[in-house]
N, C-alpha and C. Protein backbone atom coordinates (compact mmCIF):
# COMPACT_ATOMS: atom_id res chain seq x y z
N MET A 1 -7.51 -16.96 15.72
CA MET A 1 -6.56 -18.03 15.48
C MET A 1 -6.76 -18.57 14.07
N LEU A 2 -5.69 -19.05 13.52
CA LEU A 2 -5.67 -19.50 12.14
C LEU A 2 -4.90 -20.81 12.06
N THR A 3 -5.42 -21.76 11.30
CA THR A 3 -4.72 -23.02 11.09
C THR A 3 -4.00 -22.94 9.76
N VAL A 4 -2.71 -23.27 9.77
CA VAL A 4 -1.92 -23.21 8.54
C VAL A 4 -1.26 -24.56 8.29
N ARG A 5 -1.04 -24.86 7.04
CA ARG A 5 -0.31 -26.07 6.62
C ARG A 5 0.94 -25.57 5.91
N VAL A 6 2.10 -25.94 6.41
CA VAL A 6 3.37 -25.39 5.95
C VAL A 6 4.17 -26.41 5.15
N GLN A 7 4.71 -25.96 4.04
CA GLN A 7 5.67 -26.78 3.28
C GLN A 7 7.03 -26.12 3.43
N PRO A 8 7.93 -26.71 4.21
CA PRO A 8 9.27 -26.15 4.34
C PRO A 8 10.13 -26.53 3.13
N LYS A 9 11.27 -25.91 3.01
CA LYS A 9 12.26 -26.17 1.95
C LYS A 9 11.68 -25.95 0.55
N ALA A 10 10.78 -24.99 0.42
CA ALA A 10 10.21 -24.67 -0.90
C ALA A 10 11.20 -23.82 -1.67
N SER A 11 11.00 -23.73 -2.98
CA SER A 11 11.91 -22.93 -3.80
C SER A 11 11.73 -21.43 -3.56
N ARG A 12 10.51 -21.03 -3.14
CA ARG A 12 10.28 -19.64 -2.75
C ARG A 12 9.15 -19.58 -1.73
N ALA A 13 9.20 -18.55 -0.89
CA ALA A 13 8.17 -18.37 0.12
C ALA A 13 6.94 -17.75 -0.52
N ARG A 14 5.78 -18.30 -0.18
CA ARG A 14 4.54 -17.74 -0.71
C ARG A 14 3.34 -18.29 0.04
N ILE A 15 2.22 -17.60 -0.16
CA ILE A 15 0.94 -18.03 0.40
C ILE A 15 0.14 -18.62 -0.75
N ASP A 16 -0.27 -19.87 -0.62
CA ASP A 16 -1.00 -20.55 -1.68
C ASP A 16 -2.51 -20.39 -1.56
N GLY A 17 -2.99 -19.83 -0.46
CA GLY A 17 -4.43 -19.64 -0.28
C GLY A 17 -5.02 -20.69 0.65
N PHE A 18 -6.33 -20.63 0.77
CA PHE A 18 -7.04 -21.54 1.66
C PHE A 18 -7.45 -22.81 0.92
N ALA A 19 -7.40 -23.93 1.62
CA ALA A 19 -7.81 -25.21 1.05
C ALA A 19 -8.41 -26.06 2.16
N THR A 20 -9.27 -26.97 1.77
CA THR A 20 -9.83 -27.91 2.73
C THR A 20 -8.91 -29.12 2.77
N ASP A 21 -8.42 -29.43 3.94
CA ASP A 21 -7.47 -30.53 4.11
C ASP A 21 -8.21 -31.86 4.24
N GLU A 22 -7.46 -32.95 4.31
CA GLU A 22 -8.05 -34.28 4.38
C GLU A 22 -8.92 -34.49 5.62
N ASP A 23 -8.72 -33.67 6.65
CA ASP A 23 -9.55 -33.78 7.85
C ASP A 23 -10.82 -32.93 7.77
N GLY A 24 -11.04 -32.28 6.62
CA GLY A 24 -12.26 -31.50 6.40
C GLY A 24 -12.22 -30.08 6.91
N LYS A 25 -11.08 -29.64 7.44
CA LYS A 25 -10.95 -28.28 7.96
C LYS A 25 -10.24 -27.38 6.95
N ARG A 26 -10.66 -26.10 6.91
CA ARG A 26 -10.00 -25.12 6.03
C ARG A 26 -8.69 -24.68 6.67
N LYS A 27 -7.65 -24.71 5.87
CA LYS A 27 -6.33 -24.31 6.34
C LYS A 27 -5.69 -23.41 5.30
N LEU A 28 -4.89 -22.47 5.78
CA LEU A 28 -4.10 -21.62 4.90
C LEU A 28 -2.85 -22.40 4.54
N ARG A 29 -2.57 -22.49 3.25
CA ARG A 29 -1.38 -23.21 2.81
C ARG A 29 -0.26 -22.22 2.56
N LEU A 30 0.91 -22.51 3.17
CA LEU A 30 2.09 -21.65 3.06
C LEU A 30 3.28 -22.47 2.58
N ARG A 31 4.17 -21.78 1.91
CA ARG A 31 5.47 -22.37 1.55
C ARG A 31 6.55 -21.45 2.09
N VAL A 32 7.55 -22.03 2.72
CA VAL A 32 8.69 -21.25 3.20
C VAL A 32 9.98 -21.92 2.73
N THR A 33 10.99 -21.12 2.53
CA THR A 33 12.26 -21.65 2.03
C THR A 33 13.11 -22.25 3.15
N ALA A 34 12.81 -21.91 4.38
CA ALA A 34 13.61 -22.37 5.52
C ALA A 34 13.42 -23.87 5.75
N VAL A 35 14.45 -24.46 6.34
CA VAL A 35 14.39 -25.87 6.71
C VAL A 35 13.76 -26.00 8.09
N PRO A 36 13.11 -27.14 8.36
CA PRO A 36 12.50 -27.33 9.68
C PRO A 36 13.52 -27.77 10.71
N ASP A 37 14.48 -26.91 11.01
CA ASP A 37 15.55 -27.23 11.93
C ASP A 37 15.76 -26.06 12.88
N LYS A 38 15.74 -26.33 14.16
CA LYS A 38 15.98 -25.32 15.20
C LYS A 38 15.04 -24.13 15.09
N GLY A 39 13.80 -24.37 14.67
CA GLY A 39 12.80 -23.31 14.63
C GLY A 39 12.89 -22.37 13.44
N ARG A 40 13.76 -22.68 12.48
CA ARG A 40 13.92 -21.78 11.32
C ARG A 40 12.64 -21.67 10.49
N ALA A 41 11.98 -22.79 10.24
CA ALA A 41 10.74 -22.74 9.45
C ALA A 41 9.65 -21.99 10.21
N ASN A 42 9.58 -22.16 11.52
CA ASN A 42 8.58 -21.44 12.31
C ASN A 42 8.82 -19.93 12.23
N LYS A 43 10.06 -19.52 12.32
CA LYS A 43 10.39 -18.09 12.20
C LYS A 43 10.01 -17.57 10.82
N ALA A 44 10.22 -18.39 9.79
CA ALA A 44 9.87 -17.99 8.43
C ALA A 44 8.35 -17.86 8.27
N VAL A 45 7.60 -18.75 8.91
CA VAL A 45 6.13 -18.67 8.88
C VAL A 45 5.68 -17.35 9.51
N ILE A 46 6.24 -17.03 10.66
CA ILE A 46 5.87 -15.78 11.34
C ILE A 46 6.21 -14.57 10.47
N ALA A 47 7.40 -14.58 9.88
CA ALA A 47 7.81 -13.46 9.03
C ALA A 47 6.90 -13.33 7.81
N LEU A 48 6.56 -14.44 7.18
CA LEU A 48 5.70 -14.41 6.00
C LEU A 48 4.30 -13.89 6.34
N LEU A 49 3.72 -14.39 7.41
CA LEU A 49 2.39 -13.93 7.80
C LEU A 49 2.40 -12.47 8.23
N ALA A 50 3.43 -12.05 8.93
CA ALA A 50 3.52 -10.64 9.34
C ALA A 50 3.62 -9.73 8.12
N ALA A 51 4.45 -10.11 7.16
CA ALA A 51 4.59 -9.30 5.95
C ALA A 51 3.30 -9.25 5.14
N ALA A 52 2.62 -10.38 5.04
CA ALA A 52 1.40 -10.44 4.24
C ALA A 52 0.24 -9.66 4.86
N THR A 53 0.22 -9.58 6.18
CA THR A 53 -0.88 -8.90 6.86
C THR A 53 -0.55 -7.47 7.27
N GLY A 54 0.72 -7.10 7.16
CA GLY A 54 1.12 -5.77 7.59
C GLY A 54 1.24 -5.62 9.09
N LEU A 55 1.32 -6.74 9.78
CA LEU A 55 1.45 -6.73 11.24
C LEU A 55 2.92 -6.84 11.64
N PRO A 56 3.27 -6.35 12.82
CA PRO A 56 4.63 -6.60 13.31
C PRO A 56 4.77 -8.08 13.67
N LYS A 57 5.98 -8.59 13.61
CA LYS A 57 6.21 -10.00 13.94
C LYS A 57 5.76 -10.32 15.35
N SER A 58 5.82 -9.34 16.24
CA SER A 58 5.41 -9.57 17.63
C SER A 58 3.91 -9.83 17.76
N ALA A 59 3.13 -9.50 16.73
CA ALA A 59 1.68 -9.73 16.75
C ALA A 59 1.31 -11.09 16.18
N VAL A 60 2.31 -11.87 15.76
CA VAL A 60 2.07 -13.19 15.17
C VAL A 60 2.81 -14.22 16.02
N SER A 61 2.10 -15.26 16.45
CA SER A 61 2.76 -16.29 17.25
C SER A 61 2.17 -17.67 16.94
N ILE A 62 3.03 -18.66 17.00
CA ILE A 62 2.60 -20.05 16.80
C ILE A 62 2.23 -20.59 18.17
N ILE A 63 0.97 -21.00 18.33
CA ILE A 63 0.53 -21.45 19.65
C ILE A 63 0.38 -22.97 19.73
N ALA A 64 0.41 -23.64 18.58
CA ALA A 64 0.37 -25.11 18.57
C ALA A 64 0.99 -25.61 17.28
N GLY A 65 1.66 -26.75 17.35
CA GLY A 65 2.24 -27.38 16.17
C GLY A 65 3.65 -26.95 15.85
N ASP A 66 4.43 -26.60 16.86
CA ASP A 66 5.81 -26.17 16.64
C ASP A 66 6.62 -27.14 15.79
N LYS A 67 6.39 -28.43 15.96
CA LYS A 67 7.17 -29.44 15.25
C LYS A 67 6.35 -30.16 14.19
N SER A 68 5.24 -29.57 13.80
CA SER A 68 4.35 -30.18 12.82
C SER A 68 4.19 -29.26 11.61
N ARG A 69 3.79 -29.83 10.49
CA ARG A 69 3.50 -29.00 9.32
C ARG A 69 2.19 -28.24 9.50
N THR A 70 1.29 -28.78 10.31
CA THR A 70 0.03 -28.10 10.59
C THR A 70 0.20 -27.34 11.90
N LYS A 71 -0.03 -26.04 11.85
CA LYS A 71 0.20 -25.17 13.00
C LYS A 71 -1.03 -24.32 13.27
N THR A 72 -1.19 -23.93 14.52
CA THR A 72 -2.21 -22.96 14.89
C THR A 72 -1.48 -21.67 15.21
N VAL A 73 -1.91 -20.61 14.55
CA VAL A 73 -1.24 -19.32 14.66
C VAL A 73 -2.20 -18.29 15.22
N ARG A 74 -1.71 -17.47 16.13
CA ARG A 74 -2.50 -16.35 16.66
C ARG A 74 -1.99 -15.07 16.01
N LEU A 75 -2.91 -14.30 15.45
CA LEU A 75 -2.60 -12.99 14.88
C LEU A 75 -3.39 -11.96 15.67
N GLU A 76 -2.70 -11.05 16.31
CA GLU A 76 -3.35 -10.05 17.15
C GLU A 76 -3.80 -8.88 16.28
N ALA A 77 -4.96 -9.06 15.65
CA ALA A 77 -5.52 -8.04 14.76
C ALA A 77 -6.98 -8.40 14.47
N ASP A 78 -7.65 -7.52 13.77
CA ASP A 78 -9.03 -7.75 13.37
C ASP A 78 -9.08 -8.95 12.42
N PRO A 79 -9.86 -9.99 12.74
CA PRO A 79 -9.89 -11.19 11.91
C PRO A 79 -10.33 -10.93 10.46
N ASP A 80 -11.29 -10.04 10.25
CA ASP A 80 -11.74 -9.75 8.89
C ASP A 80 -10.63 -9.12 8.06
N MET A 81 -9.88 -8.20 8.67
CA MET A 81 -8.76 -7.56 7.99
C MET A 81 -7.69 -8.59 7.65
N VAL A 82 -7.40 -9.47 8.59
CA VAL A 82 -6.38 -10.50 8.38
C VAL A 82 -6.77 -11.40 7.21
N LEU A 83 -8.00 -11.88 7.21
CA LEU A 83 -8.45 -12.78 6.14
C LEU A 83 -8.42 -12.09 4.77
N LYS A 84 -8.81 -10.82 4.72
CA LYS A 84 -8.77 -10.09 3.46
C LYS A 84 -7.35 -9.94 2.94
N ARG A 85 -6.44 -9.55 3.84
CA ARG A 85 -5.04 -9.39 3.41
C ARG A 85 -4.40 -10.70 3.01
N LEU A 86 -4.74 -11.79 3.68
CA LEU A 86 -4.19 -13.09 3.30
C LEU A 86 -4.75 -13.54 1.95
N ALA A 87 -6.02 -13.29 1.72
CA ALA A 87 -6.62 -13.63 0.42
C ALA A 87 -5.96 -12.80 -0.68
N ASP A 88 -5.74 -11.51 -0.43
CA ASP A 88 -5.05 -10.66 -1.40
C ASP A 88 -3.63 -11.14 -1.68
N ALA A 89 -2.93 -11.55 -0.62
CA ALA A 89 -1.55 -12.01 -0.77
C ALA A 89 -1.47 -13.31 -1.56
N SER A 90 -2.48 -14.15 -1.45
CA SER A 90 -2.45 -15.43 -2.16
C SER A 90 -2.75 -15.25 -3.64
N GLU A 91 -3.38 -14.15 -4.02
CA GLU A 91 -3.67 -13.88 -5.42
C GLU A 91 -2.48 -13.31 -6.16
N GLY A 92 -1.60 -12.62 -5.43
CA GLY A 92 -0.49 -11.92 -6.09
C GLY A 92 0.70 -12.69 -6.11
């Protein structure tokens, strides 16, 4: 499981990398162009994470925080591989 902090309505979708949030926990920061209306931003988060990790969208699911900027995401894959690919995606 992965905790992400999402900024909807961004000018472009991207992964900003990991940061420690005000609550002291490490979170992956994402930007998506979709608006937070009718699940559009959540779908964009899933699509962005799937593309960045090389996983099918069906292997990525939001398990908590549907209506919040902070979400808990499940990625059905090797955690080390996921973290490496996300770190690589945030550099490029």
